[in-house]
């Protein structure tokens, strides 16, 4: 098993066990960026956060960990 396979496995385990906290952190980061930009890029920040959640959630082939 290579380095990247090991990293993916560890990330998948983290998402499976801490998915809600990761989703909340992504939302908070988008909110902070929105505050800093005065709401100018809200749509793009929200889309980026959702895409990040979807990408992380689909690591194990199931979309069931991050809401």
N, C-alpha and C. Protein backbone atom coordinates (compact mmCIF):
# COMPACT_ATOMS: atom_id res chain seq x y z
N UNK A 1 0.84 -1.17 0.00
CA UNK A 1 0.00 0.00 0.00
C UNK A 1 0.89 1.23 0.00
N UNK A 2 0.60 2.14 -0.90
CA UNK A 2 1.40 3.35 -1.00
C UNK A 2 0.97 4.43 -0.03
N UNK A 3 1.72 5.50 -0.05
CA UNK A 3 1.46 6.63 0.84
C UNK A 3 0.06 7.21 0.62
N UNK A 4 -0.32 7.41 -0.64
CA UNK A 4 -1.62 8.01 -0.92
C UNK A 4 -2.77 7.09 -0.54
N UNK A 5 -2.59 5.79 -0.71
CA UNK A 5 -3.63 4.85 -0.29
C UNK A 5 -3.82 4.90 1.22
N UNK A 6 -2.72 4.97 1.93
CA UNK A 6 -2.78 5.06 3.39
C UNK A 6 -3.45 6.36 3.83
N UNK A 7 -3.11 7.46 3.17
CA UNK A 7 -3.71 8.75 3.51
C UNK A 7 -5.21 8.74 3.23
N UNK A 8 -5.62 8.14 2.11
CA UNK A 8 -7.05 8.05 1.78
C UNK A 8 -7.78 7.22 2.81
N UNK A 9 -7.20 6.11 3.23
CA UNK A 9 -7.83 5.27 4.25
C UNK A 9 -8.01 6.02 5.56
N UNK A 10 -6.99 6.77 5.97
CA UNK A 10 -7.09 7.53 7.21
C UNK A 10 -8.13 8.63 7.10
N UNK A 11 -8.18 9.31 5.96
CA UNK A 11 -9.18 10.35 5.75
C UNK A 11 -10.58 9.76 5.72
N UNK A 12 -10.75 8.62 5.09
CA UNK A 12 -12.05 7.95 5.06
C UNK A 12 -12.50 7.59 6.46
N UNK A 13 -11.59 7.06 7.27
CA UNK A 13 -11.93 6.72 8.66
C UNK A 13 -12.33 7.96 9.45
N UNK A 14 -11.61 9.05 9.23
CA UNK A 14 -11.93 10.29 9.94
C UNK A 14 -13.30 10.81 9.54
N UNK A 15 -13.61 10.76 8.25
CA UNK A 15 -14.92 11.23 7.78
C UNK A 15 -16.03 10.33 8.33
N UNK A 16 -15.78 9.04 8.36
CA UNK A 16 -16.80 8.12 8.88
C UNK A 16 -17.09 8.36 10.36
N UNK A 17 -16.06 8.67 11.13
CA UNK A 17 -16.27 8.82 12.57
C UNK A 17 -16.60 10.25 12.98
N UNK A 18 -16.17 11.25 12.21
CA UNK A 18 -16.35 12.65 12.59
C UNK A 18 -17.03 13.47 11.50
N UNK A 19 -17.87 12.85 10.70
CA UNK A 19 -18.48 13.52 9.56
C UNK A 19 -19.26 14.77 9.91
N UNK A 20 -20.04 14.72 10.99
CA UNK A 20 -20.84 15.89 11.37
C UNK A 20 -19.95 17.07 11.75
N UNK A 21 -18.89 16.79 12.48
CA UNK A 21 -17.98 17.86 12.89
C UNK A 21 -17.26 18.46 11.68
N UNK A 22 -16.90 17.63 10.72
CA UNK A 22 -16.24 18.11 9.51
C UNK A 22 -17.20 18.98 8.70
N UNK A 23 -18.45 18.54 8.58
CA UNK A 23 -19.44 19.33 7.87
C UNK A 23 -19.67 20.67 8.53
N UNK A 24 -19.76 20.68 9.86
CA UNK A 24 -19.92 21.94 10.59
C UNK A 24 -18.72 22.86 10.39
N UNK A 25 -17.53 22.29 10.38
CA UNK A 25 -16.31 23.10 10.18
C UNK A 25 -16.29 23.72 8.79
N UNK A 26 -16.72 22.98 7.77
CA UNK A 26 -16.77 23.54 6.42
C UNK A 26 -17.79 24.67 6.34
N UNK A 27 -18.93 24.50 7.01
CA UNK A 27 -19.93 25.57 7.04
C UNK A 27 -19.41 26.81 7.76
N UNK A 28 -18.73 26.61 8.86
CA UNK A 28 -18.17 27.74 9.61
C UNK A 28 -17.10 28.46 8.79
N UNK A 29 -16.29 27.72 8.06
CA UNK A 29 -15.27 28.34 7.22
C UNK A 29 -15.91 29.17 6.12
N UNK A 30 -16.98 28.66 5.52
CA UNK A 30 -17.69 29.41 4.48
C UNK A 30 -18.32 30.67 5.07
N UNK A 31 -18.88 30.56 6.27
CA UNK A 31 -19.48 31.72 6.93
C UNK A 31 -18.43 32.77 7.25
N UNK A 32 -17.28 32.34 7.73
CA UNK A 32 -16.20 33.28 8.04
C UNK A 32 -15.72 33.99 6.78
N UNK A 33 -15.55 33.24 5.71
CA UNK A 33 -15.13 33.85 4.45
C UNK A 33 -16.19 34.82 3.94
N UNK A 34 -17.45 34.49 4.13
CA UNK A 34 -18.54 35.37 3.73
C UNK A 34 -18.51 36.67 4.52
N UNK A 35 -18.28 36.55 5.82
CA UNK A 35 -18.18 37.75 6.66
C UNK A 35 -17.01 38.64 6.23
N UNK A 36 -15.89 38.01 5.93
CA UNK A 36 -14.70 38.77 5.55
C UNK A 36 -14.84 39.46 4.19
N UNK A 37 -15.67 38.89 3.31
CA UNK A 37 -15.85 39.47 1.97
C UNK A 37 -17.13 40.30 1.88
N UNK A 38 -17.82 40.46 2.99
CA UNK A 38 -19.03 41.25 2.99
C UNK A 38 -20.19 40.62 2.25
N UNK A 39 -20.19 39.31 2.12
CA UNK A 39 -21.28 38.61 1.46
C UNK A 39 -21.23 38.66 -0.05
N UNK A 40 -20.15 39.19 -0.58
CA UNK A 40 -20.03 39.37 -2.03
C UNK A 40 -19.98 38.04 -2.79
N UNK A 41 -19.44 37.01 -2.16
CA UNK A 41 -19.24 35.73 -2.84
C UNK A 41 -20.01 34.59 -2.18
N UNK A 42 -21.15 34.89 -1.56
CA UNK A 42 -21.91 33.90 -0.80
C UNK A 42 -22.27 32.66 -1.63
N UNK A 43 -22.75 32.87 -2.85
CA UNK A 43 -23.17 31.74 -3.68
C UNK A 43 -21.99 30.81 -3.98
N UNK A 44 -20.85 31.39 -4.29
CA UNK A 44 -19.67 30.58 -4.62
C UNK A 44 -19.12 29.87 -3.39
N UNK A 45 -19.16 30.55 -2.25
CA UNK A 45 -18.68 29.93 -1.01
C UNK A 45 -19.58 28.77 -0.61
N UNK A 46 -20.88 28.96 -0.73
CA UNK A 46 -21.81 27.89 -0.39
C UNK A 46 -21.64 26.70 -1.33
N UNK A 47 -21.48 26.97 -2.60
CA UNK A 47 -21.27 25.90 -3.58
C UNK A 47 -19.97 25.15 -3.30
N UNK A 48 -18.92 25.88 -2.97
CA UNK A 48 -17.64 25.26 -2.65
C UNK A 48 -17.71 24.37 -1.42
N UNK A 49 -18.41 24.84 -0.39
CA UNK A 49 -18.56 24.05 0.84
C UNK A 49 -19.34 22.77 0.55
N UNK A 50 -20.41 22.87 -0.24
CA UNK A 50 -21.20 21.69 -0.58
C UNK A 50 -20.40 20.69 -1.41
N UNK A 51 -19.61 21.18 -2.36
CA UNK A 51 -18.79 20.29 -3.17
C UNK A 51 -17.72 19.59 -2.32
N UNK A 52 -17.14 20.32 -1.37
CA UNK A 52 -16.14 19.72 -0.48
C UNK A 52 -16.79 18.64 0.37
N UNK A 53 -17.98 18.91 0.89
CA UNK A 53 -18.70 17.91 1.70
C UNK A 53 -19.01 16.67 0.86
N UNK A 54 -19.50 16.88 -0.36
CA UNK A 54 -19.82 15.74 -1.23
C UNK A 54 -18.59 14.91 -1.56
N UNK A 55 -17.48 15.58 -1.83
CA UNK A 55 -16.24 14.87 -2.18
C UNK A 55 -15.74 14.05 -0.99
N UNK A 56 -15.75 14.64 0.19
CA UNK A 56 -15.29 13.90 1.36
C UNK A 56 -16.24 12.77 1.72
N UNK A 57 -17.53 13.02 1.58
CA UNK A 57 -18.52 12.02 1.95
C UNK A 57 -18.50 10.82 1.00
N UNK A 58 -18.11 11.03 -0.24
CA UNK A 58 -18.13 9.93 -1.20
C UNK A 58 -16.84 9.12 -1.22
N UNK A 59 -15.91 9.37 -0.29
CA UNK A 59 -14.67 8.61 -0.26
C UNK A 59 -14.89 7.13 -0.05
N UNK A 60 -15.91 6.78 0.74
CA UNK A 60 -16.16 5.37 1.02
C UNK A 60 -17.23 4.78 0.10
N UNK A 61 -17.66 5.55 -0.90
CA UNK A 61 -18.65 5.05 -1.84
C UNK A 61 -20.08 5.24 -1.38
N UNK A 62 -20.28 5.78 -0.19
CA UNK A 62 -21.62 6.03 0.34
C UNK A 62 -21.72 7.49 0.74
N UNK A 63 -22.86 8.07 0.52
CA UNK A 63 -23.09 9.45 0.95
C UNK A 63 -23.93 9.42 2.21
N UNK A 64 -23.28 9.13 3.34
CA UNK A 64 -24.05 8.97 4.56
C UNK A 64 -23.39 9.58 5.80
N UNK A 65 -22.25 10.22 5.65
CA UNK A 65 -21.50 10.65 6.82
C UNK A 65 -21.60 12.14 7.11
N UNK A 66 -21.68 12.96 6.09
CA UNK A 66 -21.70 14.41 6.28
C UNK A 66 -23.06 14.92 5.84
N UNK A 67 -23.68 15.70 6.72
CA UNK A 67 -25.00 16.25 6.36
C UNK A 67 -24.91 17.71 6.06
